Amino acid sequence: MKTPEYESIDLIYRFFEEVWNKGREEAIDEMYVPEGQAYGLGEQYRKGPEQFKLLHRLIQENCSDIHAVVEDVIAAGDRVSMRGVLTMVHKATGRQLRLEGGSYNRIKDGKIVEAWNGWDFMGILLSLGVVTENCLANALCGNQN
């Protein structure tokens, strides 16, 4: 019999495999509680599986060859942290995109209840040419360029 920690680790691997590698939107409902919260992805994607599905659809509709690799996972009690990489091709530009980051999750009854996300969306924006390398420094310094 697996410990709760190993079950949580399996859940995280399964989530990335099913949701991102296989593109199964219905897997979100299978692994995410209805009242779940996903912090760090933007308010419009935070509350519950239905809002997370909006992010999933956005990526699925605008990118191809999506592949997730979970590189590290650590679990203790009802918490599990992961670090990984998603790679994809932006359909409109053909550019290769690499999204690195991770999440710290709370699991209950084999489903994700809360996820605190830290993904490098700035890297995606840089790859797409939406922002420049020095945009953060310019914004913090009050420069408009």
Protein backbone atom coordinates (compact mmCIF):
# COMPACT_ATOMS: atom_id res chain seq x y z
CA MET A 1 0.00 0.00 0.00
CA LYS A 2 1.30 3.43 -0.94
CA THR A 3 1.67 6.19 1.62
CA PRO A 4 -0.38 9.38 1.15
CA GLU A 5 2.82 11.15 0.08
CA TYR A 6 3.45 8.65 -2.73
CA GLU A 7 -0.18 8.91 -3.81
CA SER A 8 0.23 12.71 -3.98
CA ILE A 9 3.41 12.37 -6.01
CA ASP A 10 1.60 10.02 -8.41
CA LEU A 11 -1.23 12.55 -8.71
CA ILE A 12 1.16 15.32 -9.78
CA TYR A 13 2.84 13.12 -12.39
CA ARG A 14 -0.56 11.97 -13.63
CA PHE A 15 -1.89 15.55 -13.77
CA PHE A 16 0.90 16.73 -16.05
CA GLU A 17 0.76 13.59 -18.19
CA GLU A 18 -3.00 13.62 -18.68
CA VAL A 19 -3.71 17.36 -18.81
CA TRP A 20 -0.71 18.58 -20.79
CA ASN A 21 0.91 15.64 -22.60
CA LYS A 22 -2.34 13.96 -23.58
CA GLY A 23 -4.39 17.18 -23.71
CA ARG A 24 -7.27 15.66 -21.74
CA GLU A 25 -9.32 18.57 -20.42
CA GLU A 26 -11.66 16.16 -18.60
CA ALA A 27 -8.69 15.02 -16.49
CA ILE A 28 -8.78 18.43 -14.78
CA ASP A 29 -12.15 17.51 -13.24
CA GLU A 30 -10.78 14.11 -12.24
CA MET A 31 -7.85 15.56 -10.28
CA TYR A 32 -9.02 18.99 -9.08
CA VAL A 33 -11.75 19.68 -6.50
CA PRO A 34 -14.62 21.96 -7.62
CA GLU A 35 -13.71 24.59 -5.01
CA GLY A 36 -9.98 24.38 -5.83
CA GLN A 37 -7.76 27.43 -6.14
CA ALA A 38 -4.80 27.93 -8.49
CA TYR A 39 -2.78 30.95 -7.40
CA GLY A 40 -0.17 32.66 -9.57
CA LEU A 41 -1.78 32.07 -12.97
CA GLY A 42 -3.96 35.18 -13.07
CA GLU A 43 -7.30 35.85 -11.41
CA GLN A 44 -9.27 34.67 -14.45
CA TYR A 45 -7.81 31.14 -14.07
CA ARG A 46 -7.80 30.85 -10.28
CA LYS A 47 -11.15 29.51 -9.07
CA GLY A 48 -11.96 25.90 -9.67
CA PRO A 49 -11.54 23.51 -12.55
CA GLU A 50 -13.74 25.52 -14.91
CA GLN A 51 -11.45 28.56 -14.72
CA PHE A 52 -8.32 26.42 -14.99
CA LYS A 53 -9.81 24.87 -18.13
CA LEU A 54 -9.82 28.37 -19.67
CA LEU A 55 -6.02 28.46 -19.34
CA HIS A 56 -5.76 24.91 -20.67
CA ARG A 57 -7.88 25.82 -23.72
CA LEU A 58 -5.90 29.01 -24.33
CA ILE A 59 -2.65 27.06 -24.48
CA GLN A 60 -4.13 24.14 -26.44
CA GLU A 61 -5.71 26.43 -29.05
CA ASN A 62 -2.62 28.58 -29.56
CA CYS A 63 0.20 26.07 -29.20
CA SER A 64 1.07 22.65 -30.59
CA ASP A 65 3.50 19.91 -29.62
CA ILE A 66 2.87 20.57 -25.93
CA HIS A 67 5.06 18.43 -23.73
CA ALA A 68 5.44 18.51 -19.96
CA VAL A 69 8.31 17.03 -17.99
CA VAL A 70 8.06 16.83 -14.21
CA GLU A 71 11.69 17.03 -13.08
CA ASP A 72 11.43 17.04 -9.29
CA VAL A 73 8.69 16.21 -6.79
CA ILE A 74 8.79 16.33 -3.00
CA ALA A 75 5.89 15.45 -0.71
CA ALA A 76 5.21 15.76 3.01
CA GLY A 77 1.83 15.19 4.58
CA ASP A 78 -0.87 16.73 2.41
CA ARG A 79 1.62 18.98 0.53
CA VAL A 80 3.52 18.20 -2.65
CA SER A 81 5.90 20.45 -4.58
CA MET A 82 7.00 19.98 -8.13
CA ARG A 83 9.40 21.58 -10.60
CA GLY A 84 9.15 21.03 -14.31
CA VAL A 85 9.19 22.29 -17.87
CA LEU A 86 6.52 22.65 -20.53
CA THR A 87 7.67 23.02 -24.11
CA MET A 88 5.42 23.91 -27.02
CA VAL A 89 5.30 25.57 -30.42
CA HIS A 90 3.36 28.81 -30.81
CA LYS A 91 1.07 28.17 -33.79
CA ALA A 92 0.94 31.77 -35.07
CA THR A 93 4.69 32.35 -35.11
CA GLY A 94 6.18 28.86 -35.15
CA ARG A 95 8.40 29.85 -32.22
CA GLN A 96 9.52 27.24 -29.72
CA LEU A 97 8.39 28.18 -26.22
CA ARG A 98 9.79 26.88 -22.95
CA LEU A 99 7.88 27.40 -19.71
CA GLU A 100 9.89 26.53 -16.62
CA GLY A 101 8.58 26.62 -13.09
CA GLY A 102 6.73 24.70 -10.49
CA SER A 103 3.91 24.52 -8.01
CA TYR A 104 3.33 23.88 -4.34
CA ASN A 105 0.09 21.94 -3.91
CA ARG A 106 -2.26 20.89 -1.15
CA ILE A 107 -3.92 17.53 -1.76
CA LYS A 108 -7.05 16.13 -0.14
CA ASP A 109 -8.69 12.80 -0.92
CA GLY A 110 -6.49 12.33 -3.98
CA LYS A 111 -7.31 15.67 -5.60
CA ILE A 112 -5.66 19.08 -5.85
CA VAL A 113 -7.28 21.58 -3.48
CA GLU A 114 -4.82 24.47 -3.79
CA ALA A 115 -1.86 25.13 -6.06
CA TRP A 116 0.58 28.00 -5.66
CA ASN A 117 2.23 28.38 -9.06
CA GLY A 118 5.51 29.97 -10.04
CA TRP A 119 5.98 29.70 -13.81
CA ASP A 120 8.22 31.83 -16.03
CA PHE A 121 5.53 33.51 -18.12
CA MET A 122 7.94 36.43 -18.64
CA GLY A 123 10.16 34.02 -20.61
CA ILE A 124 7.20 33.22 -22.88
CA LEU A 125 6.52 36.92 -23.43
CA LEU A 126 10.19 37.50 -24.24
CA SER A 127 10.21 34.56 -26.69
CA LEU A 128 7.16 35.96 -28.45
CA GLY A 129 8.65 39.47 -28.62
CA VAL A 130 5.79 40.96 -26.59
CA VAL A 131 8.17 42.49 -24.06
CA THR A 132 11.85 43.40 -24.15
CA GLU A 133 14.61 42.02 -21.94
CA ASN A 134 14.82 45.24 -19.92
CA CYS A 135 11.07 45.89 -19.55
CA LEU A 136 10.94 44.95 -15.87
CA ALA A 137 13.86 47.23 -14.98
CA ASN A 138 12.33 50.04 -17.04
CA ALA A 139 8.94 49.63 -15.35
CA LEU A 140 10.44 49.53 -11.84
CA CYS A 141 12.54 52.62 -12.57
CA GLY A 142 9.60 54.52 -14.00
CA ASN A 143 10.89 54.52 -17.58
CA GLN A 144 8.32 54.18 -20.32
CA ASN A 145 10.70 52.57 -22.88
